[in-house]
Amino acid sequence: MEPVEHTVYYAGGSFGRERLMEIYGNHVVQKYPHISFKYLQSGTGGGSEGMALADAIAAKTPIDILFTATTRVPSQLVDFGLQSVLRIEGEGSK
């Protein structure tokens, strides 16, 4: 299979790439070794530099997975006109 890199953006502080990989990423990579992750976050810490979501969008950074509280999504993305392209999964999703 062709290598695939997914960009994960954590909006809400400093989750850290290492923690992301421990909880989620390593399980995905173990089952699908052709998948890798690029990690961005809003806050500094956890071994990653911070980047505001607005800056990531302005730089046209492709974001495959937006990791945030669902209550924050509309306020973060409505200014960019992106609310119509969202697929929200989590609590209450089927």
C-alpha atoms as a PDB file:
ATOM      1  CA  MET A   1       0.000   0.000   0.000  1.00  0.00           C
ATOM      2  CA  GLU A   2       1.014   3.597  -0.612  1.00  0.00           C
ATOM      3  CA  PRO A   3       2.201   5.538   2.469  1.00  0.00           C
ATOM      4  CA  VAL A   4      -0.434   7.877   3.900  1.00  0.00           C
ATOM      5  CA  GLU A   5       0.202  10.741   6.311  1.00  0.00           C
ATOM      6  CA  HIS A   6      -2.741  12.137   8.271  1.00  0.00           C
ATOM      7  CA  THR A   7      -2.442  15.551   9.889  1.00  0.00           C
ATOM      8  CA  VAL A   8      -3.967  15.704  13.356  1.00  0.00           C
ATOM      9  CA  TYR A   9      -4.655  19.114  14.897  1.00  0.00           C
ATOM     10  CA  TYR A  10      -5.363  19.255  18.625  1.00  0.00           C
ATOM     11  CA  ALA A  11      -7.234  22.449  19.504  1.00  0.00           C
ATOM     12  CA  GLY A  12      -7.316  23.010  23.196  1.00  0.00           C
ATOM     13  CA  GLY A  13      -3.841  23.050  24.617  1.00  0.00           C
ATOM     14  CA  SER A  14      -0.854  20.755  24.639  1.00  0.00           C
ATOM     15  CA  PHE A  15      -1.890  17.123  24.304  1.00  0.00           C
ATOM     16  CA  GLY A  16       1.466  16.199  22.766  1.00  0.00           C
ATOM     17  CA  ARG A  17       2.384  13.917  19.880  1.00  0.00           C
ATOM     18  CA  GLU A  18       3.795  11.269  22.202  1.00  0.00           C
ATOM     19  CA  ARG A  19       0.534  11.039  24.125  1.00  0.00           C
ATOM     20  CA  LEU A  20      -1.491  10.945  20.888  1.00  0.00           C
ATOM     21  CA  MET A  21       0.618   8.039  19.661  1.00  0.00           C
ATOM     22  CA  GLU A  22       0.358   6.176  22.976  1.00  0.00           C
ATOM     23  CA  ILE A  23      -3.429   6.422  23.122  1.00  0.00           C
ATOM     24  CA  TYR A  24      -4.402   6.219  19.437  1.00  0.00           C
ATOM     25  CA  GLY A  25      -1.626   6.330  16.875  1.00  0.00           C
ATOM     26  CA  ASN A  26       0.400   3.258  17.788  1.00  0.00           C
ATOM     27  CA  HIS A  27      -2.726   1.076  17.519  1.00  0.00           C
ATOM     28  CA  VAL A  28      -3.471   2.443  14.055  1.00  0.00           C
ATOM     29  CA  VAL A  29       0.143   2.094  12.869  1.00  0.00           C
ATOM     30  CA  GLN A  30       0.336  -1.461  14.213  1.00  0.00           C
ATOM     31  CA  LYS A  31      -2.687  -2.499  12.140  1.00  0.00           C
ATOM     32  CA  TYR A  32      -1.988  -0.195   9.176  1.00  0.00           C
ATOM     33  CA  PRO A  33       1.802   0.291   8.951  1.00  0.00           C
ATOM     34  CA  HIS A  34       1.492   2.479   5.834  1.00  0.00           C
ATOM     35  CA  ILE A  35      -0.268   5.201   7.890  1.00  0.00           C
ATOM     36  CA  SER A  36       1.669   7.874   9.768  1.00  0.00           C
ATOM     37  CA  PHE A  37       0.661  11.012  11.627  1.00  0.00           C
ATOM     38  CA  LYS A  38       1.777  14.620  11.521  1.00  0.00           C
ATOM     39  CA  TYR A  39       0.770  16.349  14.744  1.00  0.00           C
ATOM     40  CA  LEU A  40      -0.107  20.015  15.293  1.00  0.00           C
ATOM     41  CA  GLN A  41      -1.602  21.635  18.386  1.00  0.00           C
ATOM     42  CA  SER A  42      -2.814  25.021  19.516  1.00  0.00           C
ATOM     43  CA  GLY A  43      -0.744  25.208  22.707  1.00  0.00           C
ATOM     44  CA  THR A  44       2.937  24.761  23.364  1.00  0.00           C
ATOM     45  CA  GLY A  45       4.187  21.890  25.453  1.00  0.00           C
ATOM     46  CA  GLY A  46       4.158  18.141  25.226  1.00  0.00           C
ATOM     47  CA  GLY A  47       7.115  18.263  22.854  1.00  0.00           C
ATOM     48  CA  SER A  48       5.289  20.247  20.162  1.00  0.00           C
ATOM     49  CA  GLU A  49       5.256  23.865  19.077  1.00  0.00           C
ATOM     50  CA  GLY A  50       1.913  25.615  19.146  1.00  0.00           C
ATOM     51  CA  MET A  51       0.068  26.858  16.057  1.00  0.00           C
ATOM     52  CA  ALA A  52      -3.240  28.681  16.170  1.00  0.00           C
ATOM     53  CA  LEU A  53      -6.017  27.044  14.153  1.00  0.00           C
ATOM     54  CA  ALA A  54      -6.498  30.304  12.231  1.00  0.00           C
ATOM     55  CA  ASP A  55      -2.810  30.254  11.268  1.00  0.00           C
ATOM     56  CA  ALA A  56      -2.987  26.626  10.135  1.00  0.00           C
ATOM     57  CA  ILE A  57      -6.015  27.382   7.951  1.00  0.00           C
ATOM     58  CA  ALA A  58      -4.480  30.599   6.597  1.00  0.00           C
ATOM     59  CA  ALA A  59      -1.356  28.619   5.644  1.00  0.00           C
ATOM     60  CA  LYS A  60      -3.638  26.094   3.873  1.00  0.00           C
ATOM     61  CA  THR A  61      -2.341  23.309   6.086  1.00  0.00           C
ATOM     62  CA  PRO A  62      -4.431  20.230   5.348  1.00  0.00           C
ATOM     63  CA  ILE A  63      -6.045  18.973   8.554  1.00  0.00           C
ATOM     64  CA  ASP A  64      -7.444  15.453   8.371  1.00  0.00           C
ATOM     65  CA  ILE A  65      -8.438  15.088  12.018  1.00  0.00           C
ATOM     66  CA  LEU A  66      -9.478  18.012  14.208  1.00  0.00           C
ATOM     67  CA  PHE A  67      -9.281  16.832  17.796  1.00  0.00           C
ATOM     68  CA  THR A  68     -11.316  19.182  20.022  1.00  0.00           C
ATOM     69  CA  ALA A  69     -14.427  19.447  22.150  1.00  0.00           C
ATOM     70  CA  THR A  70     -17.511  19.412  19.915  1.00  0.00           C
ATOM     71  CA  THR A  71     -18.815  22.503  21.677  1.00  0.00           C
ATOM     72  CA  ARG A  72     -15.811  24.464  20.346  1.00  0.00           C
ATOM     73  CA  VAL A  73     -16.011  23.388  16.702  1.00  0.00           C
ATOM     74  CA  PRO A  74     -18.667  25.810  15.415  1.00  0.00           C
ATOM     75  CA  SER A  75     -17.057  28.844  16.997  1.00  0.00           C
ATOM     76  CA  GLN A  76     -13.628  27.860  15.681  1.00  0.00           C
ATOM     77  CA  LEU A  77     -14.648  27.137  12.113  1.00  0.00           C
ATOM     78  CA  VAL A  78     -17.658  29.325  11.305  1.00  0.00           C
ATOM     79  CA  ASP A  79     -15.360  32.257  10.504  1.00  0.00           C
ATOM     80  CA  PHE A  80     -13.723  30.152   7.793  1.00  0.00           C
ATOM     81  CA  GLY A  81     -17.010  28.907   6.262  1.00  0.00           C
ATOM     82  CA  LEU A  82     -16.053  25.295   6.967  1.00  0.00           C
ATOM     83  CA  GLN A  83     -18.953  24.184   9.151  1.00  0.00           C
ATOM     84  CA  SER A  84     -20.704  22.499   6.186  1.00  0.00           C
ATOM     85  CA  VAL A  85     -17.806  20.072   5.586  1.00  0.00           C
ATOM     86  CA  LEU A  86     -17.528  18.726   9.123  1.00  0.00           C
ATOM     87  CA  ARG A  87     -18.206  15.166  10.157  1.00  0.00           C
ATOM     88  CA  ILE A  88     -18.420  15.089  13.930  1.00  0.00           C
ATOM     89  CA  GLU A  89     -17.924  11.784  15.701  1.00  0.00           C
ATOM     90  CA  GLY A  90     -17.949  11.107  19.382  1.00  0.00           C
ATOM     91  CA  GLU A  91     -20.516  11.149  22.131  1.00  0.00           C
ATOM     92  CA  GLY A  92     -23.975  10.596  20.686  1.00  0.00           C
ATOM     93  CA  SER A  93     -22.691   9.599  17.227  1.00  0.00           C
ATOM     94  CA  LYS A  94     -23.715   6.408  15.566  1.00  0.00           C
END
